[in-house]
Amino acid sequence: MGQKLAVVITTPPYSNLTVTALDYVESALKAGIELIGIFFYQDGVLHADANLSVASDEFQAVDKWQQLHQQYQLPLHLCITAAEKRGLRDDITPTNINPLFTVSGLGELVELTDKADRVIQL
């Protein structure tokens, strides 16, 4: 059984499902599973909105992504097509995309899918 995992996130940062996704990703990392990348797609791209403001008493998903990214060097890929459809742009200065995320496309998703032994969509 392979140990390379890729995860596709389609839930927005304010969804309770995002907490489930983060718990899943963190559990996999702690179990020693090689997580080769997270791909943010559909409403999941909203995690990369640099102007995102979540009430201080609510779960801060982006802070958790940042922690996992720094602790495990976890690649966070952002589908630019889905991002542009939701008003996120990398061709303006200053960009409104959080620099934590790498601007990518569906080609990166194909590559992650090809390299991974398992792909999970949450």
Foldseek 3Di string as FASTA:
>chain_A
DAQEEEEEEADAPQDPVLVVVLVVVVVSVVVVRHYAAYEYAANSLNLFFQPDDDPPVDDNSNVSVLVCCVVVVHAYEYAVVNCVVVPFDVPDVPGRTHPSHDYDHVVVVVVSVVPGPYYYYD
